[in-house]
N, C-alpha and C. Protein backbone atom coordinates (compact mmCIF):
# COMPACT_ATOMS: atom_id res chain seq x y z
N MET A 1 32.80 101.25 113.25
CA MET A 1 33.32 100.61 112.07
C MET A 1 34.62 99.89 112.44
N ALA A 2 34.75 98.67 112.05
CA ALA A 2 35.94 97.87 112.34
C ALA A 2 37.10 98.30 111.45
N PRO A 3 38.35 98.24 111.97
CA PRO A 3 39.51 98.62 111.15
C PRO A 3 39.70 97.65 109.99
N LYS A 4 40.24 98.16 108.90
CA LYS A 4 40.50 97.32 107.72
C LYS A 4 41.59 96.33 108.05
N LYS A 5 41.47 95.13 107.52
CA LYS A 5 42.51 94.11 107.69
C LYS A 5 43.58 94.34 106.63
N LEU A 6 44.82 94.17 107.04
CA LEU A 6 45.91 94.28 106.08
C LEU A 6 46.00 92.99 105.28
N SER A 7 46.24 93.12 104.03
CA SER A 7 46.35 91.96 103.16
C SER A 7 47.67 91.24 103.40
N ALA A 8 47.63 89.95 103.54
CA ALA A 8 48.84 89.15 103.71
C ALA A 8 49.45 88.82 102.36
N LYS A 9 48.76 89.19 101.31
CA LYS A 9 49.20 88.90 99.95
C LYS A 9 50.35 89.84 99.57
N ARG A 10 51.42 89.27 99.00
CA ARG A 10 52.56 90.08 98.57
C ARG A 10 52.56 90.18 97.06
N SER A 11 53.08 91.31 96.60
CA SER A 11 53.12 91.51 95.15
C SER A 11 54.23 90.64 94.55
N ARG A 12 54.14 90.40 93.25
CA ARG A 12 55.17 89.63 92.55
C ARG A 12 56.52 90.35 92.64
N ARG A 13 56.47 91.68 92.58
CA ARG A 13 57.70 92.46 92.65
C ARG A 13 58.40 92.23 94.00
N ASP A 14 57.65 92.19 95.11
CA ASP A 14 58.23 91.94 96.43
C ASP A 14 58.87 90.57 96.49
N VAL A 15 58.20 89.57 95.99
CA VAL A 15 58.72 88.20 96.00
C VAL A 15 59.95 88.09 95.12
N ALA A 16 59.93 88.73 93.95
CA ALA A 16 61.07 88.68 93.03
C ALA A 16 62.27 89.39 93.64
N ALA A 17 62.05 90.50 94.30
CA ALA A 17 63.16 91.26 94.90
C ALA A 17 63.83 90.45 96.00
N GLU A 18 63.06 89.69 96.77
CA GLU A 18 63.64 88.86 97.83
C GLU A 18 64.60 87.82 97.27
N GLY A 19 64.25 87.24 96.16
CA GLY A 19 65.06 86.17 95.58
C GLY A 19 66.32 86.66 94.88
N THR A 20 66.37 87.94 94.48
CA THR A 20 67.52 88.42 93.72
C THR A 20 68.59 89.07 94.59
N SER A 21 68.31 89.31 95.82
CA SER A 21 69.26 89.99 96.70
C SER A 21 70.39 89.05 97.10
N ALA A 22 71.56 89.19 96.44
CA ALA A 22 72.70 88.32 96.73
C ALA A 22 73.50 88.83 97.91
N THR A 23 73.55 90.15 98.10
CA THR A 23 74.30 90.71 99.21
C THR A 23 73.34 91.38 100.19
N PRO A 24 73.68 91.34 101.48
CA PRO A 24 72.79 92.00 102.43
C PRO A 24 72.72 93.49 102.14
N GLU A 25 71.57 94.07 102.35
CA GLU A 25 71.40 95.49 102.07
C GLU A 25 71.92 96.30 103.25
N PHE A 26 72.39 97.51 102.95
CA PHE A 26 72.84 98.43 103.98
C PHE A 26 72.50 99.84 103.54
N ASP A 27 72.54 100.74 104.47
CA ASP A 27 72.23 102.14 104.21
C ASP A 27 73.46 102.81 103.61
N SER A 28 73.53 102.89 102.28
CA SER A 28 74.72 103.40 101.59
C SER A 28 74.93 104.90 101.76
N HIS A 29 73.91 105.61 102.21
CA HIS A 29 74.09 107.04 102.47
C HIS A 29 74.86 107.25 103.78
N HIS A 30 74.69 106.32 104.72
CA HIS A 30 75.32 106.46 106.03
C HIS A 30 76.53 105.55 106.23
N PHE A 31 76.65 104.47 105.45
CA PHE A 31 77.72 103.50 105.70
C PHE A 31 78.42 103.09 104.42
N ARG A 32 79.72 102.76 104.57
CA ARG A 32 80.53 102.35 103.43
C ARG A 32 80.21 100.93 102.99
N SER A 33 79.81 100.10 103.93
CA SER A 33 79.56 98.69 103.62
C SER A 33 78.69 98.09 104.72
N VAL A 34 78.31 96.85 104.52
CA VAL A 34 77.55 96.12 105.54
C VAL A 34 78.39 96.00 106.81
N VAL A 35 79.69 95.74 106.65
CA VAL A 35 80.58 95.58 107.81
C VAL A 35 80.60 96.87 108.63
N HIS A 36 80.67 98.02 107.97
CA HIS A 36 80.69 99.29 108.68
C HIS A 36 79.35 99.56 109.37
N GLN A 37 78.26 99.16 108.75
CA GLN A 37 76.95 99.32 109.38
C GLN A 37 76.87 98.42 110.62
N GLN A 38 77.42 97.22 110.54
CA GLN A 38 77.44 96.32 111.69
C GLN A 38 78.33 96.89 112.80
N CYS A 39 79.43 97.52 112.43
CA CYS A 39 80.29 98.16 113.41
C CYS A 39 79.53 99.27 114.13
N PHE A 40 78.75 100.04 113.39
CA PHE A 40 77.93 101.09 113.99
C PHE A 40 76.98 100.49 115.03
N GLU A 41 76.36 99.39 114.66
CA GLU A 41 75.45 98.72 115.60
C GLU A 41 76.19 98.28 116.87
N ALA A 42 77.45 97.85 116.70
CA ALA A 42 78.24 97.39 117.84
C ALA A 42 78.65 98.54 118.77
N ILE A 43 78.85 99.75 118.21
CA ILE A 43 79.34 100.86 119.03
C ILE A 43 78.27 101.88 119.39
N LYS A 44 77.05 101.68 118.92
CA LYS A 44 76.04 102.73 119.14
C LYS A 44 75.68 102.94 120.60
N GLY A 45 76.13 102.06 121.48
CA GLY A 45 75.90 102.25 122.90
C GLY A 45 76.99 103.07 123.58
N TRP A 46 78.01 103.47 122.82
CA TRP A 46 79.09 104.27 123.41
C TRP A 46 78.51 105.59 123.93
N SER A 47 79.08 106.06 125.00
CA SER A 47 78.68 107.38 125.50
C SER A 47 79.86 108.33 125.33
N PHE A 48 79.57 109.60 125.38
CA PHE A 48 80.59 110.62 125.18
C PHE A 48 80.78 111.41 126.47
N HIS A 49 82.01 111.72 126.77
CA HIS A 49 82.32 112.60 127.88
C HIS A 49 82.50 113.99 127.28
N ARG A 50 81.65 114.90 127.68
CA ARG A 50 81.71 116.26 127.14
C ARG A 50 83.02 116.92 127.56
N GLU A 51 83.60 117.63 126.60
CA GLU A 51 84.81 118.41 126.90
C GLU A 51 84.41 119.62 127.73
N ARG A 52 85.28 119.99 128.61
CA ARG A 52 85.03 121.19 129.41
C ARG A 52 85.99 122.28 128.97
N ARG A 53 85.45 123.44 128.80
CA ARG A 53 86.28 124.58 128.40
C ARG A 53 86.98 125.12 129.64
N VAL A 54 88.26 125.34 129.53
CA VAL A 54 89.04 125.91 130.61
C VAL A 54 89.39 127.33 130.22
N GLN A 55 88.94 128.27 131.00
CA GLN A 55 89.24 129.67 130.76
C GLN A 55 90.45 130.07 131.59
N LEU A 56 91.54 130.45 130.94
CA LEU A 56 92.73 130.91 131.64
C LEU A 56 92.82 132.43 131.52
N ARG A 57 93.22 133.05 132.62
CA ARG A 57 93.48 134.49 132.55
C ARG A 57 94.77 134.71 131.76
N GLU A 58 94.95 135.93 131.28
CA GLU A 58 96.13 136.23 130.47
C GLU A 58 97.43 135.97 131.22
N ASP A 59 97.43 136.20 132.53
CA ASP A 59 98.65 136.05 133.33
C ASP A 59 98.82 134.65 133.91
N GLU A 60 97.94 133.73 133.58
CA GLU A 60 97.98 132.37 134.12
C GLU A 60 98.64 131.41 133.14
N TYR A 61 99.56 130.61 133.61
CA TYR A 61 100.19 129.56 132.80
C TYR A 61 100.63 130.09 131.44
N THR A 62 101.35 131.17 131.45
CA THR A 62 101.72 131.85 130.21
C THR A 62 102.54 130.95 129.28
N ASN A 63 103.44 130.13 129.82
CA ASN A 63 104.23 129.22 128.97
C ASN A 63 103.32 128.25 128.23
N PHE A 64 102.33 127.73 128.94
CA PHE A 64 101.37 126.80 128.35
C PHE A 64 100.58 127.49 127.24
N GLN A 65 100.09 128.68 127.50
CA GLN A 65 99.30 129.42 126.51
C GLN A 65 100.15 129.79 125.29
N GLU A 66 101.42 130.14 125.53
CA GLU A 66 102.30 130.45 124.40
C GLU A 66 102.55 129.23 123.52
N GLU A 67 102.68 128.06 124.15
CA GLU A 67 102.90 126.83 123.38
C GLU A 67 101.68 126.48 122.54
N ILE A 68 100.49 126.66 123.09
CA ILE A 68 99.26 126.43 122.33
C ILE A 68 99.21 127.36 121.12
N ALA A 69 99.55 128.62 121.33
CA ALA A 69 99.55 129.60 120.22
C ALA A 69 100.64 129.25 119.20
N ARG A 70 101.84 128.87 119.68
CA ARG A 70 102.94 128.54 118.77
C ARG A 70 102.58 127.37 117.87
N ARG A 71 101.88 126.41 118.43
CA ARG A 71 101.51 125.21 117.66
C ARG A 71 100.21 125.39 116.87
N HIS A 72 99.58 126.55 116.98
CA HIS A 72 98.32 126.83 116.28
C HIS A 72 97.24 125.83 116.70
N TRP A 73 97.11 125.60 117.99
CA TRP A 73 96.17 124.62 118.52
C TRP A 73 94.91 125.24 119.10
N MET A 74 94.59 126.47 118.79
CA MET A 74 93.40 127.11 119.35
C MET A 74 92.14 126.31 119.02
N SER A 75 92.08 125.75 117.82
CA SER A 75 90.90 124.96 117.46
C SER A 75 90.80 123.69 118.29
N LEU A 76 91.91 123.21 118.82
CA LEU A 76 91.88 122.00 119.66
C LEU A 76 91.46 122.30 121.09
N VAL A 77 91.78 123.47 121.58
CA VAL A 77 91.47 123.80 122.98
C VAL A 77 90.15 124.55 123.11
N THR A 78 89.44 124.71 122.01
CA THR A 78 88.14 125.36 122.02
C THR A 78 87.10 124.32 121.59
N PRO A 79 86.52 123.61 122.55
CA PRO A 79 85.58 122.54 122.19
C PRO A 79 84.32 123.09 121.53
N MET A 80 83.72 122.24 120.71
CA MET A 80 82.47 122.62 120.04
C MET A 80 81.36 122.68 121.08
N ALA A 81 80.47 123.65 120.93
CA ALA A 81 79.36 123.80 121.87
C ALA A 81 78.37 122.65 121.73
N LYS A 82 78.11 122.23 120.49
CA LYS A 82 77.14 121.16 120.25
C LYS A 82 77.70 120.20 119.20
N PHE A 83 77.28 118.94 119.29
CA PHE A 83 77.62 117.95 118.28
C PHE A 83 76.54 116.89 118.27
N ASP A 84 76.45 116.17 117.18
CA ASP A 84 75.46 115.11 117.04
C ASP A 84 76.16 113.78 117.29
N PRO A 85 75.90 113.11 118.41
CA PRO A 85 76.58 111.86 118.73
C PRO A 85 76.43 110.80 117.64
N GLU A 86 75.29 110.78 116.96
CA GLU A 86 75.09 109.78 115.91
C GLU A 86 76.04 110.01 114.74
N VAL A 87 76.29 111.27 114.39
CA VAL A 87 77.23 111.58 113.31
C VAL A 87 78.64 111.18 113.72
N VAL A 88 79.00 111.41 114.98
CA VAL A 88 80.33 111.04 115.47
C VAL A 88 80.49 109.51 115.42
N LEU A 89 79.48 108.77 115.86
CA LEU A 89 79.54 107.31 115.81
C LEU A 89 79.61 106.81 114.36
N GLU A 90 78.89 107.47 113.48
CA GLU A 90 78.93 107.12 112.05
C GLU A 90 80.35 107.31 111.51
N PHE A 91 81.00 108.41 111.91
CA PHE A 91 82.38 108.66 111.50
C PHE A 91 83.28 107.51 111.96
N TYR A 92 83.20 107.15 113.24
CA TYR A 92 84.05 106.09 113.78
C TYR A 92 83.76 104.74 113.12
N ALA A 93 82.50 104.42 112.94
CA ALA A 93 82.14 103.13 112.32
C ALA A 93 82.68 103.03 110.91
N ASN A 94 82.59 104.11 110.14
CA ASN A 94 83.05 104.10 108.75
C ASN A 94 84.56 104.25 108.61
N ALA A 95 85.22 104.67 109.67
CA ALA A 95 86.68 104.80 109.64
C ALA A 95 87.35 103.47 110.02
N TRP A 96 86.56 102.54 110.54
CA TRP A 96 87.12 101.27 111.01
C TRP A 96 87.68 100.46 109.84
N PRO A 97 88.92 99.97 109.95
CA PRO A 97 89.49 99.17 108.85
C PRO A 97 88.77 97.83 108.73
N THR A 98 88.53 97.42 107.50
CA THR A 98 87.84 96.14 107.28
C THR A 98 88.80 95.03 106.87
N GLU A 99 90.02 95.41 106.52
CA GLU A 99 91.03 94.42 106.16
C GLU A 99 92.26 94.61 107.03
N GLU A 100 92.85 93.52 107.44
CA GLU A 100 94.06 93.56 108.27
C GLU A 100 95.16 94.33 107.55
N GLY A 101 95.72 95.33 108.22
CA GLY A 101 96.84 96.08 107.66
C GLY A 101 96.48 97.15 106.65
N VAL A 102 95.20 97.32 106.30
CA VAL A 102 94.81 98.33 105.31
C VAL A 102 94.14 99.48 106.05
N ARG A 103 94.76 100.66 105.99
CA ARG A 103 94.23 101.85 106.65
C ARG A 103 93.84 102.88 105.60
N ASP A 104 92.57 103.15 105.48
CA ASP A 104 92.08 104.20 104.60
C ASP A 104 91.81 105.39 105.52
N MET A 105 92.60 106.43 105.41
CA MET A 105 92.53 107.55 106.35
C MET A 105 91.43 108.54 105.96
N ARG A 106 90.24 108.01 105.78
CA ARG A 106 89.07 108.83 105.52
C ARG A 106 87.84 108.04 105.97
N SER A 107 86.76 108.75 106.19
CA SER A 107 85.53 108.12 106.64
C SER A 107 84.37 108.65 105.81
N TRP A 108 83.29 107.90 105.77
CA TRP A 108 82.10 108.24 105.00
C TRP A 108 81.05 108.73 105.99
N VAL A 109 80.66 110.00 105.88
CA VAL A 109 79.68 110.56 106.81
C VAL A 109 78.61 111.30 106.02
N ARG A 110 77.39 110.81 106.14
CA ARG A 110 76.24 111.44 105.51
C ARG A 110 76.46 111.71 104.02
N GLY A 111 77.04 110.72 103.34
CA GLY A 111 77.22 110.82 101.90
C GLY A 111 78.44 111.59 101.46
N GLN A 112 79.36 111.90 102.39
CA GLN A 112 80.57 112.65 102.02
C GLN A 112 81.80 111.98 102.62
N TRP A 113 82.90 112.04 101.88
CA TRP A 113 84.17 111.53 102.39
C TRP A 113 84.80 112.58 103.29
N ILE A 114 85.24 112.16 104.47
CA ILE A 114 85.91 113.05 105.42
C ILE A 114 87.32 112.50 105.64
N PRO A 115 88.35 113.18 105.13
CA PRO A 115 89.72 112.70 105.33
C PRO A 115 90.19 113.02 106.75
N PHE A 116 91.00 112.12 107.32
CA PHE A 116 91.61 112.41 108.61
C PHE A 116 93.09 112.01 108.60
N ASP A 117 93.70 112.15 107.44
CA ASP A 117 95.13 111.87 107.31
C ASP A 117 95.93 113.07 107.85
N THR A 118 97.23 112.96 107.82
CA THR A 118 98.10 113.99 108.37
C THR A 118 97.86 115.34 107.72
N ASP A 119 97.72 115.36 106.41
CA ASP A 119 97.50 116.63 105.71
C ASP A 119 96.18 117.28 106.13
N ALA A 120 95.12 116.47 106.25
CA ALA A 120 93.81 117.01 106.65
C ALA A 120 93.87 117.56 108.07
N LEU A 121 94.55 116.86 108.97
CA LEU A 121 94.67 117.34 110.34
C LEU A 121 95.52 118.61 110.41
N SER A 122 96.59 118.65 109.66
CA SER A 122 97.42 119.86 109.63
C SER A 122 96.62 121.05 109.10
N GLN A 123 95.84 120.81 108.07
CA GLN A 123 95.01 121.88 107.50
C GLN A 123 93.97 122.34 108.52
N PHE A 124 93.37 121.39 109.25
CA PHE A 124 92.40 121.74 110.29
C PHE A 124 93.04 122.63 111.35
N LEU A 125 94.28 122.31 111.69
CA LEU A 125 94.99 123.10 112.70
C LEU A 125 95.44 124.45 112.16
N GLY A 126 95.36 124.66 110.85
CA GLY A 126 95.70 125.94 110.27
C GLY A 126 97.17 126.11 109.97
N ASP A 127 97.93 125.05 110.03
CA ASP A 127 99.37 125.16 109.80
C ASP A 127 99.84 123.89 109.10
N PRO A 128 99.55 123.74 107.80
CA PRO A 128 99.98 122.52 107.12
C PRO A 128 101.47 122.27 107.31
N LEU A 129 101.78 121.08 107.72
CA LEU A 129 103.17 120.69 107.99
C LEU A 129 103.77 120.07 106.75
N VAL A 130 104.92 120.58 106.35
CA VAL A 130 105.62 120.05 105.19
C VAL A 130 106.91 119.41 105.70
N LEU A 131 107.08 118.13 105.41
CA LEU A 131 108.27 117.41 105.83
C LEU A 131 109.23 117.26 104.67
N GLU A 132 110.50 117.29 104.99
CA GLU A 132 111.53 116.99 104.00
C GLU A 132 111.50 115.48 103.73
N GLU A 133 112.01 115.06 102.58
CA GLU A 133 112.04 113.63 102.27
C GLU A 133 112.85 112.89 103.34
N GLY A 134 112.26 111.83 103.88
CA GLY A 134 112.92 111.03 104.91
C GLY A 134 112.71 111.56 106.32
N GLN A 135 112.16 112.75 106.46
CA GLN A 135 111.92 113.33 107.77
C GLN A 135 110.66 112.70 108.38
N GLU A 136 110.68 112.44 109.68
CA GLU A 136 109.54 111.85 110.37
C GLU A 136 108.85 112.90 111.23
N TYR A 137 107.58 112.65 111.52
CA TYR A 137 106.86 113.49 112.46
C TYR A 137 107.44 113.26 113.85
N GLU A 138 107.30 114.26 114.71
CA GLU A 138 107.83 114.17 116.07
C GLU A 138 107.28 112.95 116.79
N PHE A 139 105.99 112.67 116.61
CA PHE A 139 105.38 111.49 117.25
C PHE A 139 106.08 110.21 116.80
N SER A 140 106.33 110.08 115.51
CA SER A 140 107.01 108.88 114.98
C SER A 140 108.41 108.77 115.54
N GLN A 141 109.10 109.88 115.65
CA GLN A 141 110.46 109.87 116.20
C GLN A 141 110.44 109.37 117.64
N ARG A 142 109.52 109.89 118.43
CA ARG A 142 109.43 109.47 119.83
C ARG A 142 109.05 108.00 119.95
N ARG A 143 108.13 107.58 119.11
CA ARG A 143 107.65 106.19 119.17
C ARG A 143 108.77 105.21 118.79
N ASN A 144 109.61 105.60 117.87
CA ASN A 144 110.66 104.71 117.38
C ASN A 144 111.94 104.74 118.21
N ARG A 145 112.00 105.64 119.19
CA ARG A 145 113.21 105.71 120.02
C ARG A 145 113.35 104.44 120.84
N ALA A 146 114.60 104.04 121.04
CA ALA A 146 114.89 102.81 121.79
C ALA A 146 114.57 102.96 123.27
N ASP A 147 114.62 104.19 123.80
CA ASP A 147 114.42 104.35 125.24
C ASP A 147 112.95 104.30 125.65
N GLY A 148 112.10 104.08 124.67
CA GLY A 148 110.76 103.70 125.07
C GLY A 148 109.60 104.57 124.68
N PHE A 149 108.63 103.90 124.24
CA PHE A 149 107.31 104.43 124.01
C PHE A 149 106.42 103.25 124.40
N ASP A 150 106.17 103.13 125.67
CA ASP A 150 105.49 101.97 126.22
C ASP A 150 103.98 102.10 126.02
N GLU A 151 103.49 101.56 124.90
CA GLU A 151 102.07 101.68 124.58
C GLU A 151 101.18 101.06 125.65
N GLU A 152 101.62 99.95 126.23
CA GLU A 152 100.84 99.28 127.27
C GLU A 152 100.70 100.18 128.50
N ALA A 153 101.80 100.81 128.91
CA ALA A 153 101.77 101.70 130.07
C ALA A 153 100.88 102.91 129.79
N ILE A 154 100.95 103.43 128.57
CA ILE A 154 100.12 104.58 128.20
C ILE A 154 98.64 104.18 128.22
N ALA A 155 98.32 103.01 127.68
CA ALA A 155 96.94 102.54 127.67
C ALA A 155 96.42 102.36 129.10
N GLN A 156 97.24 101.82 129.98
CA GLN A 156 96.83 101.64 131.38
C GLN A 156 96.58 102.99 132.05
N LEU A 157 97.39 103.97 131.70
CA LEU A 157 97.25 105.30 132.29
C LEU A 157 96.01 106.03 131.77
N LEU A 158 95.72 105.90 130.48
CA LEU A 158 94.66 106.70 129.87
C LEU A 158 93.30 106.01 129.77
N CYS A 159 93.28 104.68 129.71
CA CYS A 159 92.02 103.97 129.49
C CYS A 159 91.27 103.74 130.79
N THR A 160 89.97 103.56 130.66
CA THR A 160 89.14 103.23 131.80
C THR A 160 89.59 101.88 132.35
N PRO A 161 89.72 101.75 133.69
CA PRO A 161 90.15 100.46 134.26
C PRO A 161 89.30 99.30 133.75
N GLY A 162 89.97 98.23 133.35
CA GLY A 162 89.28 97.05 132.84
C GLY A 162 88.95 97.13 131.36
N GLN A 163 89.23 98.26 130.73
CA GLN A 163 88.95 98.45 129.31
C GLN A 163 90.28 98.63 128.59
N GLY A 164 90.35 98.16 127.36
CA GLY A 164 91.57 98.34 126.58
C GLY A 164 91.45 99.56 125.68
N GLY A 165 92.48 99.76 124.89
CA GLY A 165 92.49 100.87 123.97
C GLY A 165 91.98 100.50 122.60
N GLU A 166 91.51 99.27 122.42
CA GLU A 166 91.02 98.82 121.12
C GLU A 166 89.62 98.27 121.26
N CYS A 167 88.85 98.38 120.19
CA CYS A 167 87.50 97.86 120.17
C CYS A 167 87.52 96.53 119.43
N GLY A 168 87.36 95.44 120.13
CA GLY A 168 87.40 94.13 119.49
C GLY A 168 86.13 93.78 118.76
N SER A 169 85.02 94.48 119.08
CA SER A 169 83.74 94.13 118.46
C SER A 169 83.67 94.50 116.99
N CYS A 170 84.55 95.36 116.52
CA CYS A 170 84.50 95.79 115.12
C CYS A 170 85.73 95.32 114.36
N ALA A 171 86.54 94.51 114.96
CA ALA A 171 87.78 94.07 114.31
C ALA A 171 87.46 93.24 113.08
N PRO A 172 88.31 93.36 112.04
CA PRO A 172 88.08 92.56 110.83
C PRO A 172 88.17 91.08 111.13
N ALA A 173 87.39 90.32 110.41
CA ALA A 173 87.36 88.87 110.62
C ALA A 173 88.59 88.20 110.02
């Protein structure tokens, strides 16, 4: 028996829907906007370098271990055993700013808002930081010092040779 032929005929509803679509469609469960979905497409080839767990004995590098404990950074030095790279890329794509100078410190992941502002990070670390009015974070103080916070030198030191610290493929138009 020969396979059935698919009909080339389209329903009126299909034709009508094509004509009414003023904005490009995007997956609103996974992305904040068309721009964010396009950013995901631009970065989906990124690869991840797995974190390696370093086991220190109690008597090894005690000053270092004490500083990690003092800062409540155990969650930072204990990498996750498993993660879904697609969810991570979705987070980055949706966190990308779409307007020059506008930073929304949250991302849209699988239908939920995920904040990554200072308060959310402090809470994640288990030690919410409360600043006095006018007080700056230590990072801001160091960055604003006149004796230097050479971003270019830091990027050269930390980034892969020939690569910058910014992704130009997702930059706002």
